[in-house]
Amino acid sequence: DFATPRAVLTGHDYEITCAAICAELGLVISGSKEGPCLIHSMNGDLLRTLEGPEGLQGPESCLRPKLIQASREGHCVIYYENGLFCVFSVNGRLQATMETDDKIR
């Protein structure tokens, strides 16, 4: 038997650096090297774009996601390369941010 994809997710312009699946909500959340994080349905429909906080300037203005985790309650935590944590709702609303100098793995 050959495995076939259930869905093809589109929308990123650069390579994917992190992804998370929330089976309870039927969502796939992915982040790319030079772009925003996207929320797709399990069927492949693009639902939302998660934009980082506004007002960043300089090297911090290009947020590069490294880690993503989604909860069954509908929250998405994204850790960016520059040490920034962001919490989003599955509706795409930025709920909280926090900066850290620690190396997160």
PDB file of N, CA and C in Angstrom:
ATOM      1  N   ASP A   1       0.826  -1.185   0.000  1.00  0.00           N
ATOM      2  CA  ASP A   1       0.000   0.000   0.000  1.00  0.00           C
ATOM      3  C   ASP A   1       0.872   1.250   0.000  1.00  0.00           C
ATOM      4  N   PHE A   2       0.404   2.257  -0.693  1.00  0.00           N
ATOM      5  CA  PHE A   2       1.101   3.533  -0.739  1.00  0.00           C
ATOM      6  C   PHE A   2       0.359   4.558   0.101  1.00  0.00           C
ATOM      7  N   ALA A   3       1.116   5.292   0.860  1.00  0.00           N
ATOM      8  CA  ALA A   3       0.523   6.356   1.663  1.00  0.00           C
ATOM      9  C   ALA A   3       0.227   7.559   0.783  1.00  0.00           C
ATOM     10  N   THR A   4      -0.940   8.135   0.957  1.00  0.00           N
ATOM     11  CA  THR A   4      -1.295   9.337   0.213  1.00  0.00           C
ATOM     12  C   THR A   4      -1.631  10.434   1.224  1.00  0.00           C
ATOM     13  N   PRO A   5      -1.314  11.667   0.887  1.00  0.00           N
ATOM     14  CA  PRO A   5      -1.605  12.754   1.837  1.00  0.00           C
ATOM     15  C   PRO A   5      -3.102  12.970   1.975  1.00  0.00           C
ATOM     16  N   ARG A   6      -3.497  13.289   3.185  1.00  0.00           N
ATOM     17  CA  ARG A   6      -4.901  13.597   3.449  1.00  0.00           C
ATOM     18  C   ARG A   6      -5.259  14.976   2.931  1.00  0.00           C
ATOM     19  N   ALA A   7      -4.286  15.901   3.005  1.00  0.00           N
ATOM     20  CA  ALA A   7      -4.490  17.270   2.527  1.00  0.00           C
ATOM     21  C   ALA A   7      -3.133  17.887   2.227  1.00  0.00           C
ATOM     22  N   VAL A   8      -3.139  18.872   1.348  1.00  0.00           N
ATOM     23  CA  VAL A   8      -1.942  19.650   1.053  1.00  0.00           C
ATOM     24  C   VAL A   8      -2.180  21.046   1.600  1.00  0.00           C
ATOM     25  N   LEU A   9      -1.275  21.478   2.461  1.00  0.00           N
ATOM     26  CA  LEU A   9      -1.410  22.792   3.088  1.00  0.00           C
ATOM     27  C   LEU A   9      -0.565  23.796   2.320  1.00  0.00           C
ATOM     28  N   THR A  10      -1.160  24.892   1.926  1.00  0.00           N
ATOM     29  CA  THR A  10      -0.455  25.911   1.149  1.00  0.00           C
ATOM     30  C   THR A  10      -0.524  27.244   1.874  1.00  0.00           C
ATOM     31  N   GLY A  11       0.319  28.181   1.448  1.00  0.00           N
ATOM     32  CA  GLY A  11       0.258  29.528   1.998  1.00  0.00           C
ATOM     33  C   GLY A  11       1.598  30.101   2.399  1.00  0.00           C
ATOM     34  N   HIS A  12       2.578  29.256   2.687  1.00  0.00           N
ATOM     35  CA  HIS A  12       3.894  29.757   3.066  1.00  0.00           C
ATOM     36  C   HIS A  12       4.731  30.041   1.819  1.00  0.00           C
ATOM     37  N   ASP A  13       5.534  31.103   1.896  1.00  0.00           N
ATOM     38  CA  ASP A  13       6.440  31.440   0.800  1.00  0.00           C
ATOM     39  C   ASP A  13       7.847  30.891   1.032  1.00  0.00           C
ATOM     40  N   TYR A  14       8.151  30.484   2.270  1.00  0.00           N
ATOM     41  CA  TYR A  14       9.483  29.987   2.628  1.00  0.00           C
ATOM     42  C   TYR A  14       9.347  28.637   3.321  1.00  0.00           C
ATOM     43  N   GLU A  15      10.475  28.011   3.597  1.00  0.00           N
ATOM     44  CA  GLU A  15      10.469  26.678   4.190  1.00  0.00           C
ATOM     45  C   GLU A  15       9.837  26.678   5.578  1.00  0.00           C
ATOM     46  N   ILE A  16       9.186  25.581   5.908  1.00  0.00           N
ATOM     47  CA  ILE A  16       8.528  25.415   7.203  1.00  0.00           C
ATOM     48  C   ILE A  16       9.592  25.112   8.251  1.00  0.00           C
ATOM     49  N   THR A  17       9.542  25.821   9.373  1.00  0.00           N
ATOM     50  CA  THR A  17      10.515  25.611  10.450  1.00  0.00           C
ATOM     51  C   THR A  17       9.899  24.925  11.664  1.00  0.00           C
ATOM     52  N   CYS A  18       8.571  24.999  11.807  1.00  0.00           N
ATOM     53  CA  CYS A  18       7.918  24.358  12.947  1.00  0.00           C
ATOM     54  C   CYS A  18       6.445  24.134  12.613  1.00  0.00           C
ATOM     55  N   ALA A  19       5.877  23.138  13.268  1.00  0.00           N
ATOM     56  CA  ALA A  19       4.457  22.834  13.049  1.00  0.00           C
ATOM     57  C   ALA A  19       3.904  22.125  14.276  1.00  0.00           C
ATOM     58  N   ALA A  20       2.602  22.249  14.466  1.00  0.00           N
ATOM     59  CA  ALA A  20       1.904  21.558  15.545  1.00  0.00           C
ATOM     60  C   ALA A  20       0.532  21.154  15.041  1.00  0.00           C
ATOM     61  N   ILE A  21       0.074  20.003  15.523  1.00  0.00           N
ATOM     62  CA  ILE A  21      -1.255  19.509  15.168  1.00  0.00           C
ATOM     63  C   ILE A  21      -2.086  19.457  16.435  1.00  0.00           C
ATOM     64  N   CYS A  22      -3.266  20.021  16.369  1.00  0.00           N
ATOM     65  CA  CYS A  22      -4.218  19.959  17.479  1.00  0.00           C
ATOM     66  C   CYS A  22      -5.401  19.123  16.989  1.00  0.00           C
ATOM     67  N   ALA A  23      -5.333  17.815  17.233  1.00  0.00           N
ATOM     68  CA  ALA A  23      -6.371  16.905  16.743  1.00  0.00           C
ATOM     69  C   ALA A  23      -7.727  17.203  17.373  1.00  0.00           C
ATOM     70  N   GLU A  24      -7.738  17.660  18.634  1.00  0.00           N
ATOM     71  CA  GLU A  24      -8.998  17.947  19.309  1.00  0.00           C
ATOM     72  C   GLU A  24      -9.788  19.048  18.602  1.00  0.00           C
ATOM     73  N   LEU A  25      -9.085  20.029  18.053  1.00  0.00           N
ATOM     74  CA  LEU A  25      -9.747  21.130  17.350  1.00  0.00           C
ATOM     75  C   LEU A  25      -9.703  20.975  15.833  1.00  0.00           C
ATOM     76  N   GLY A  26      -8.985  19.966  15.353  1.00  0.00           N
ATOM     77  CA  GLY A  26      -8.889  19.743  13.908  1.00  0.00           C
ATOM     78  C   GLY A  26      -8.054  20.791  13.204  1.00  0.00           C
ATOM     79  N   LEU A  27      -6.947  21.240  13.845  1.00  0.00           N
ATOM     80  CA  LEU A  27      -6.137  22.322  13.296  1.00  0.00           C
ATOM     81  C   LEU A  27      -4.682  21.902  13.113  1.00  0.00           C
ATOM     82  N   VAL A  28      -4.052  22.496  12.118  1.00  0.00           N
ATOM     83  CA  VAL A  28      -2.614  22.374  11.900  1.00  0.00           C
ATOM     84  C   VAL A  28      -2.064  23.793  11.907  1.00  0.00           C
ATOM     85  N   ILE A  29      -1.060  24.042  12.746  1.00  0.00           N
ATOM     86  CA  ILE A  29      -0.453  25.367  12.846  1.00  0.00           C
ATOM     87  C   ILE A  29       0.995  25.227  12.416  1.00  0.00           C
ATOM     88  N   SER A  30       1.437  26.083  11.503  1.00  0.00           N
ATOM     89  CA  SER A  30       2.799  25.974  10.981  1.00  0.00           C
ATOM     90  C   SER A  30       3.439  27.354  10.872  1.00  0.00           C
ATOM     91  N   GLY A  31       4.765  27.365  10.985  1.00  0.00           N
ATOM     92  CA  GLY A  31       5.523  28.602  10.869  1.00  0.00           C
ATOM     93  C   GLY A  31       6.625  28.435   9.846  1.00  0.00           C
ATOM     94  N   SER A  32       6.918  29.492   9.101  1.00  0.00           N
ATOM     95  CA  SER A  32       7.955  29.413   8.072  1.00  0.00           C
ATOM     96  C   SER A  32       9.133  30.309   8.420  1.00  0.00           C
ATOM     97  N   LYS A  33      10.213  30.102   7.708  1.00  0.00           N
ATOM     98  CA  LYS A  33      11.483  30.760   7.991  1.00  0.00           C
ATOM     99  C   LYS A  33      11.399  32.288   7.987  1.00  0.00           C
ATOM    100  N   GLU A  34      10.708  32.873   7.049  1.00  0.00           N
ATOM    101  CA  GLU A  34      10.659  34.332   6.914  1.00  0.00           C
ATOM    102  C   GLU A  34       9.229  34.868   6.862  1.00  0.00           C
ATOM    103  N   GLY A  35       8.303  34.143   7.434  1.00  0.00           N
ATOM    104  CA  GLY A  35       6.935  34.615   7.294  1.00  0.00           C
ATOM    105  C   GLY A  35       6.088  34.350   8.514  1.00  0.00           C
ATOM    106  N   PRO A  36       4.809  34.646   8.422  1.00  0.00           N
ATOM    107  CA  PRO A  36       3.922  34.474   9.569  1.00  0.00           C
ATOM    108  C   PRO A  36       3.596  32.996   9.787  1.00  0.00           C
ATOM    109  N   CYS A  37       2.957  32.718  10.913  1.00  0.00           N
ATOM    110  CA  CYS A  37       2.440  31.381  11.190  1.00  0.00           C
ATOM    111  C   CYS A  37       1.022  31.307  10.627  1.00  0.00           C
ATOM    112  N   LEU A  38       0.657  30.125  10.161  1.00  0.00           N
ATOM    113  CA  LEU A  38      -0.655  29.921   9.549  1.00  0.00           C
ATOM    114  C   LEU A  38      -1.419  28.836  10.286  1.00  0.00           C
ATOM    115  N   ILE A  39      -2.732  28.979  10.340  1.00  0.00           N
ATOM    116  CA  ILE A  39      -3.609  27.953  10.889  1.00  0.00           C
ATOM    117  C   ILE A  39      -4.432  27.385   9.742  1.00  0.00           C
ATOM    118  N   HIS A  40      -4.346  26.061   9.580  1.00  0.00           N
ATOM    119  CA  HIS A  40      -5.119  25.340   8.570  1.00  0.00           C
ATOM    120  C   HIS A  40      -6.064  24.358   9.253  1.00  0.00           C
ATOM    121  N   SER A  41      -7.133  24.030   8.573  1.00  0.00           N
ATOM    122  CA  SER A  41      -7.974  22.930   9.034  1.00  0.00           C
ATOM    123  C   SER A  41      -7.293  21.629   8.608  1.00  0.00           C
ATOM    124  N   MET A  42      -7.726  20.519   9.165  1.00  0.00           N
ATOM    125  CA  MET A  42      -7.169  19.218   8.783  1.00  0.00           C
ATOM    126  C   MET A  42      -7.474  18.880   7.321  1.00  0.00           C
ATOM    127  N   ASN A  43      -8.462  19.561   6.734  1.00  0.00           N
ATOM    128  CA  ASN A  43      -8.807  19.350   5.328  1.00  0.00           C
ATOM    129  C   ASN A  43      -7.939  20.171   4.390  1.00  0.00           C
ATOM    130  N   GLY A  44      -7.105  21.062   4.953  1.00  0.00           N
ATOM    131  CA  GLY A  44      -6.213  21.863   4.135  1.00  0.00           C
ATOM    132  C   GLY A  44      -6.652  23.288   3.900  1.00  0.00           C
ATOM    133  N   ASP A  45      -7.788  23.695   4.460  1.00  0.00           N
ATOM    134  CA  ASP A  45      -8.271  25.062   4.275  1.00  0.00           C
ATOM    135  C   ASP A  45      -7.466  26.023   5.154  1.00  0.00           C
ATOM    136  N   LEU A  46      -6.993  27.116   4.566  1.00  0.00           N
ATOM    137  CA  LEU A  46      -6.298  28.156   5.323  1.00  0.00           C
ATOM    138  C   LEU A  46      -7.333  28.956   6.095  1.00  0.00           C
ATOM    139  N   LEU A  47      -7.200  28.980   7.433  1.00  0.00           N
ATOM    140  CA  LEU A  47      -8.184  29.649   8.282  1.00  0.00           C
ATOM    141  C   LEU A  47      -7.726  31.014   8.774  1.00  0.00           C
ATOM    142  N   ARG A  48      -6.485  31.096   9.254  1.00  0.00           N
ATOM    143  CA  ARG A  48      -5.986  32.331   9.860  1.00  0.00           C
ATOM    144  C   ARG A  48      -4.501  32.498   9.615  1.00  0.00           C
ATOM    145  N   THR A  49      -4.072  33.756   9.702  1.00  0.00           N
ATOM    146  CA  THR A  49      -2.659  34.109   9.706  1.00  0.00           C
ATOM    147  C   THR A  49      -2.358  34.733  11.058  1.00  0.00           C
ATOM    148  N   LEU A  50      -1.318  34.239  11.721  1.00  0.00           N
ATOM    149  CA  LEU A  50      -0.935  34.763  13.034  1.00  0.00           C
ATOM    150  C   LEU A  50       0.213  35.735  12.858  1.00  0.00           C
ATOM    151  N   GLU A  51      -0.073  37.008  12.993  1.00  0.00           N
ATOM    152  CA  GLU A  51       0.933  38.051  12.849  1.00  0.00           C
ATOM    153  C   GLU A  51       1.502  38.390  14.216  1.00  0.00           C
ATOM    154  N   GLY A  52       2.803  38.590  14.279  1.00  0.00           N
ATOM    155  CA  GLY A  52       3.451  38.973  15.529  1.00  0.00           C
ATOM    156  C   GLY A  52       3.076  40.384  15.927  1.00  0.00           C
ATOM    157  N   PRO A  53       3.550  40.816  17.084  1.00  0.00           N
ATOM    158  CA  PRO A  53       3.197  42.151  17.567  1.00  0.00           C
ATOM    159  C   PRO A  53       3.725  43.248  16.660  1.00  0.00           C
ATOM    160  N   GLU A  54       2.940  44.308  16.530  1.00  0.00           N
ATOM    161  CA  GLU A  54       3.353  45.459  15.728  1.00  0.00           C
ATOM    162  C   GLU A  54       4.307  46.324  16.542  1.00  0.00           C
ATOM    163  N   GLY A  55       5.031  47.155  15.865  1.00  0.00           N
ATOM    164  CA  GLY A  55       5.903  48.091  16.556  1.00  0.00           C
ATOM    165  C   GLY A  55       7.338  47.608  16.696  1.00  0.00           C
ATOM    166  N   LEU A  56       7.631  46.402  16.221  1.00  0.00           N
ATOM    167  CA  LEU A  56       9.015  45.933  16.271  1.00  0.00           C
ATOM    168  C   LEU A  56       9.796  46.557  15.128  1.00  0.00           C
ATOM    169  N   GLN A  57      11.033  46.968  15.403  1.00  0.00           N
ATOM    170  CA  GLN A  57      11.880  47.560  14.375  1.00  0.00           C
ATOM    171  C   GLN A  57      13.240  46.883  14.403  1.00  0.00           C
ATOM    172  N   GLY A  58      13.973  47.037  13.337  1.00  0.00           N
ATOM    173  CA  GLY A  58      15.303  46.451  13.253  1.00  0.00           C
ATOM    174  C   GLY A  58      15.232  44.954  13.004  1.00  0.00           C
ATOM    175  N   PRO A  59      16.234  44.198  13.472  1.00  0.00           N
ATOM    176  CA  PRO A  59      16.261  42.755  13.229  1.00  0.00           C
ATOM    177  C   PRO A  59      15.069  42.025  13.842  1.00  0.00           C
ATOM    178  N   GLU A  60      14.470  42.597  14.899  1.00  0.00           N
ATOM    179  CA  GLU A  60      13.335  41.957  15.545  1.00  0.00           C
ATOM    180  C   GLU A  60      12.062  42.029  14.708  1.00  0.00           C
ATOM    181  N   SER A  61      12.042  42.886  13.682  1.00  0.00           N
ATOM    182  CA  SER A  61      10.825  43.067  12.906  1.00  0.00           C
ATOM    183  C   SER A  61      10.494  41.845  12.068  1.00  0.00           C
ATOM    184  N   CYS A  62      11.478  41.034  11.748  1.00  0.00           N
ATOM    185  CA  CYS A  62      11.226  39.798  11.002  1.00  0.00           C
ATOM    186  C   CYS A  62      11.206  38.657  12.010  1.00  0.00           C
ATOM    187  N   LEU A  63      10.023  38.235  12.395  1.00  0.00           N
ATOM    188  CA  LEU A  63       9.889  37.183  13.393  1.00  0.00           C
ATOM    189  C   LEU A  63      10.022  35.820  12.738  1.00  0.00           C
ATOM    190  N   ARG A  64      10.956  35.034  13.228  1.00  0.00           N
ATOM    191  CA  ARG A  64      11.194  33.687  12.708  1.00  0.00           C
ATOM    192  C   ARG A  64      10.765  32.669  13.758  1.00  0.00           C
ATOM    193  N   PRO A  65       9.639  31.998  13.548  1.00  0.00           N
ATOM    194  CA  PRO A  65       9.164  31.043  14.545  1.00  0.00           C
ATOM    195  C   PRO A  65      10.061  29.813  14.626  1.00  0.00           C
ATOM    196  N   LYS A  66      10.332  29.370  15.866  1.00  0.00           N
ATOM    197  CA  LYS A  66      11.142  28.169  16.088  1.00  0.00           C
ATOM    198  C   LYS A  66      10.324  27.023  16.669  1.00  0.00           C
ATOM    199  N   LEU A  67       9.396  27.350  17.566  1.00  0.00           N
ATOM    200  CA  LEU A  67       8.588  26.327  18.225  1.00  0.00           C
ATOM    201  C   LEU A  67       7.132  26.773  18.266  1.00  0.00           C
ATOM    202  N   ILE A  68       6.234  25.811  18.081  1.00  0.00           N
ATOM    203  CA  ILE A  68       4.795  26.083  18.170  1.00  0.00           C
ATOM    204  C   ILE A  68       4.167  24.979  19.005  1.00  0.00           C
ATOM    205  N   GLN A  69       3.238  25.367  19.854  1.00  0.00           N
ATOM    206  CA  GLN A  69       2.454  24.382  20.592  1.00  0.00           C
ATOM    207  C   GLN A  69       1.026  24.879  20.676  1.00  0.00           C
ATOM    208  N   ALA A  70       0.073  24.003  20.430  1.00  0.00           N
ATOM    209  CA  ALA A  70      -1.342  24.350  20.498  1.00  0.00           C
ATOM    210  C   ALA A  70      -2.002  23.561  21.613  1.00  0.00           C
ATOM    211  N   SER A  71      -2.999  24.165  22.252  1.00  0.00           N
ATOM    212  CA  SER A  71      -3.726  23.486  23.322  1.00  0.00           C
ATOM    213  C   SER A  71      -5.143  23.176  22.860  1.00  0.00           C
ATOM    214  N   ARG A  72      -5.748  22.213  23.509  1.00  0.00           N
ATOM    215  CA  ARG A  72      -7.126  21.856  23.164  1.00  0.00           C
ATOM    216  C   ARG A  72      -8.116  22.932  23.583  1.00  0.00           C
ATOM    217  N   GLU A  73      -7.665  23.877  24.422  1.00  0.00           N
ATOM    218  CA  GLU A  73      -8.523  24.993  24.834  1.00  0.00           C
ATOM    219  C   GLU A  73      -8.542  26.113  23.799  1.00  0.00           C
ATOM    220  N   GLY A  74      -7.724  26.003  22.770  1.00  0.00           N
ATOM    221  CA  GLY A  74      -7.747  27.008  21.711  1.00  0.00           C
ATOM    222  C   GLY A  74      -6.677  28.067  21.820  1.00  0.00           C
ATOM    223  N   HIS A  75      -5.581  27.772  22.517  1.00  0.00           N
ATOM    224  CA  HIS A  75      -4.465  28.707  22.604  1.00  0.00           C
ATOM    225  C   HIS A  75      -3.283  28.163  21.816  1.00  0.00           C
ATOM    226  N   CYS A  76      -2.534  29.068  21.241  1.00  0.00           N
ATOM    227  CA  CYS A  76      -1.353  28.709  20.481  1.00  0.00           C
ATOM    228  C   CYS A  76      -0.178  29.520  21.016  1.00  0.00           C
ATOM    229  N   VAL A  77       0.882  28.833  21.451  1.00  0.00           N
ATOM    230  CA  VAL A  77       2.081  29.497  21.956  1.00  0.00           C
ATOM    231  C   VAL A  77       3.158  29.359  20.892  1.00  0.00           C
ATOM    232  N   ILE A  78       3.748  30.475  20.520  1.00  0.00           N
ATOM    233  CA  ILE A  78       4.816  30.478  19.512  1.00  0.00           C
ATOM    234  C   ILE A  78       6.058  31.098  20.132  1.00  0.00           C
ATOM    235  N   TYR A  79       7.185  30.408  19.975  1.00  0.00           N
ATOM    236  CA  TYR A  79       8.475  30.938  20.417  1.00  0.00           C
ATOM    237  C   TYR A  79       9.253  31.332  19.170  1.00  0.00           C
ATOM    238  N   TYR A  80       9.670  32.586  19.110  1.00  0.00           N
ATOM    239  CA  TYR A  80      10.395  33.108  17.957  1.00  0.00           C
ATOM    240  C   TYR A  80      11.893  33.121  18.224  1.00  0.00           C
ATOM    241  N   GLU A  81      12.664  33.137  17.167  1.00  0.00           N
ATOM    242  CA  GLU A  81      14.125  33.077  17.223  1.00  0.00           C
ATOM    243  C   GLU A  81      14.741  34.190  18.064  1.00  0.00           C
ATOM    244  N   ASN A  82      14.114  35.341  18.133  1.00  0.00           N
ATOM    245  CA  ASN A  82      14.677  36.481  18.864  1.00  0.00           C
ATOM    246  C   ASN A  82      14.345  36.465  20.361  1.00  0.00           C
ATOM    247  N   GLY A  83      13.789  35.350  20.881  1.00  0.00           N
ATOM    248  CA  GLY A  83      13.493  35.239  22.297  1.00  0.00           C
ATOM    249  C   GLY A  83      12.115  35.726  22.694  1.00  0.00           C
ATOM    250  N   LEU A  84      11.226  35.888  21.731  1.00  0.00           N
ATOM    251  CA  LEU A  84       9.883  36.390  21.994  1.00  0.00           C
ATOM    252  C   LEU A  84       8.881  35.240  22.024  1.00  0.00           C
ATOM    253  N   PHE A  85       8.083  35.179  23.089  1.00  0.00           N
ATOM    254  CA  PHE A  85       6.954  34.262  23.181  1.00  0.00           C
ATOM    255  C   PHE A  85       5.690  35.034  22.873  1.00  0.00           C
ATOM    256  N   CYS A  86       4.798  34.442  22.094  1.00  0.00           N
ATOM    257  CA  CYS A  86       3.487  35.043  21.837  1.00  0.00           C
ATOM    258  C   CYS A  86       2.412  33.993  22.058  1.00  0.00           C
ATOM    259  N   VAL A  87       1.310  34.405  22.650  1.00  0.00           N
ATOM    260  CA  VAL A  87       0.156  33.534  22.818  1.00  0.00           C
ATOM    261  C   VAL A  87      -0.971  34.107  21.968  1.00  0.00           C
ATOM    262  N   PHE A  88      -1.523  33.251  21.106  1.00  0.00           N
ATOM    263  CA  PHE A  88      -2.621  33.629  20.221  1.00  0.00           C
ATOM    264  C   PHE A  88      -3.835  32.769  20.527  1.00  0.00           C
ATOM    265  N   SER A  89      -5.013  33.303  20.252  1.00  0.00           N
ATOM    266  CA  SER A  89      -6.213  32.470  20.244  1.00  0.00           C
ATOM    267  C   SER A  89      -6.296  31.825  18.866  1.00  0.00           C
ATOM    268  N   VAL A  90      -7.104  30.779  18.729  1.00  0.00           N
ATOM    269  CA  VAL A  90      -7.239  30.154  17.413  1.00  0.00           C
ATOM    270  C   VAL A  90      -7.976  31.064  16.436  1.00  0.00           C
ATOM    271  N   ASN A  91      -8.544  32.151  16.941  1.00  0.00           N
ATOM    272  CA  ASN A  91      -9.167  33.150  16.074  1.00  0.00           C
ATOM    273  C   ASN A  91      -8.144  34.133  15.518  1.00  0.00           C
ATOM    274  N   GLY A  92      -6.875  33.969  15.898  1.00  0.00           N
ATOM    275  CA  GLY A  92      -5.818  34.814  15.371  1.00  0.00           C
ATOM    276  C   GLY A  92      -5.518  36.046  16.193  1.00  0.00           C
ATOM    277  N   ARG A  93      -6.133  36.166  17.341  1.00  0.00           N
ATOM    278  CA  ARG A  93      -5.930  37.352  18.179  1.00  0.00           C
ATOM    279  C   ARG A  93      -4.716  37.160  19.087  1.00  0.00           C
ATOM    280  N   LEU A  94      -3.821  38.136  19.062  1.00  0.00           N
ATOM    281  CA  LEU A  94      -2.654  38.122  19.940  1.00  0.00           C
ATOM    282  C   LEU A  94      -3.121  38.413  21.358  1.00  0.00           C
ATOM    283  N   GLN A  95      -2.840  37.509  22.306  1.00  0.00           N
ATOM    284  CA  GLN A  95      -3.326  37.669  23.670  1.00  0.00           C
ATOM    285  C   GLN A  95      -2.246  38.118  24.638  1.00  0.00           C
ATOM    286  N   ALA A  96      -0.994  37.678  24.429  1.00  0.00           N
ATOM    287  CA  ALA A  96       0.073  38.056  25.352  1.00  0.00           C
ATOM    288  C   ALA A  96       1.424  37.871  24.680  1.00  0.00           C
ATOM    289  N   THR A  97       2.412  38.628  25.154  1.00  0.00           N
ATOM    290  CA  THR A  97       3.789  38.472  24.685  1.00  0.00           C
ATOM    291  C   THR A  97       4.726  38.501  25.890  1.00  0.00           C
ATOM    292  N   MET A  98       5.894  37.891  25.715  1.00  0.00           N
ATOM    293  CA  MET A  98       6.915  37.895  26.751  1.00  0.00           C
ATOM    294  C   MET A  98       8.264  37.679  26.086  1.00  0.00           C
ATOM    295  N   GLU A  99       9.263  38.442  26.511  1.00  0.00           N
ATOM    296  CA  GLU A  99      10.614  38.280  25.977  1.00  0.00           C
ATOM    297  C   GLU A  99      11.485  37.568  26.993  1.00  0.00           C
ATOM    298  N   THR A 100      12.435  36.776  26.486  1.00  0.00           N
ATOM    299  CA  THR A 100      13.377  36.072  27.354  1.00  0.00           C
ATOM    300  C   THR A 100      14.744  36.054  26.689  1.00  0.00           C
ATOM    301  N   ASP A 101      15.785  36.031  27.524  1.00  0.00           N
ATOM    302  CA  ASP A 101      17.158  35.911  27.015  1.00  0.00           C
ATOM    303  C   ASP A 101      17.639  34.465  27.072  1.00  0.00           C
ATOM    304  N   ASP A 102      16.820  33.574  27.639  1.00  0.00           N
ATOM    305  CA  ASP A 102      17.197  32.169  27.777  1.00  0.00           C
ATOM    306  C   ASP A 102      17.091  31.443  26.437  1.00  0.00           C
ATOM    307  N   LYS A 103      17.893  30.410  26.274  1.00  0.00           N
ATOM    308  CA  LYS A 103      17.816  29.541  25.096  1.00  0.00           C
ATOM    309  C   LYS A 103      16.722  28.508  25.342  1.00  0.00           C
ATOM    310  N   ILE A 104      15.719  28.482  24.505  1.00  0.00           N
ATOM    311  CA  ILE A 104      14.595  27.570  24.644  1.00  0.00           C
ATOM    312  C   ILE A 104      14.725  26.459  23.619  1.00  0.00           C
ATOM    313  N   ARG A 105      14.530  25.232  24.069  1.00  0.00           N
ATOM    314  CA  ARG A 105      14.583  24.082  23.149  1.00  0.00           C
ATOM    315  C   ARG A 105      13.330  23.272  23.290  1.00  0.00           C
TER     316      ARG A 105
END
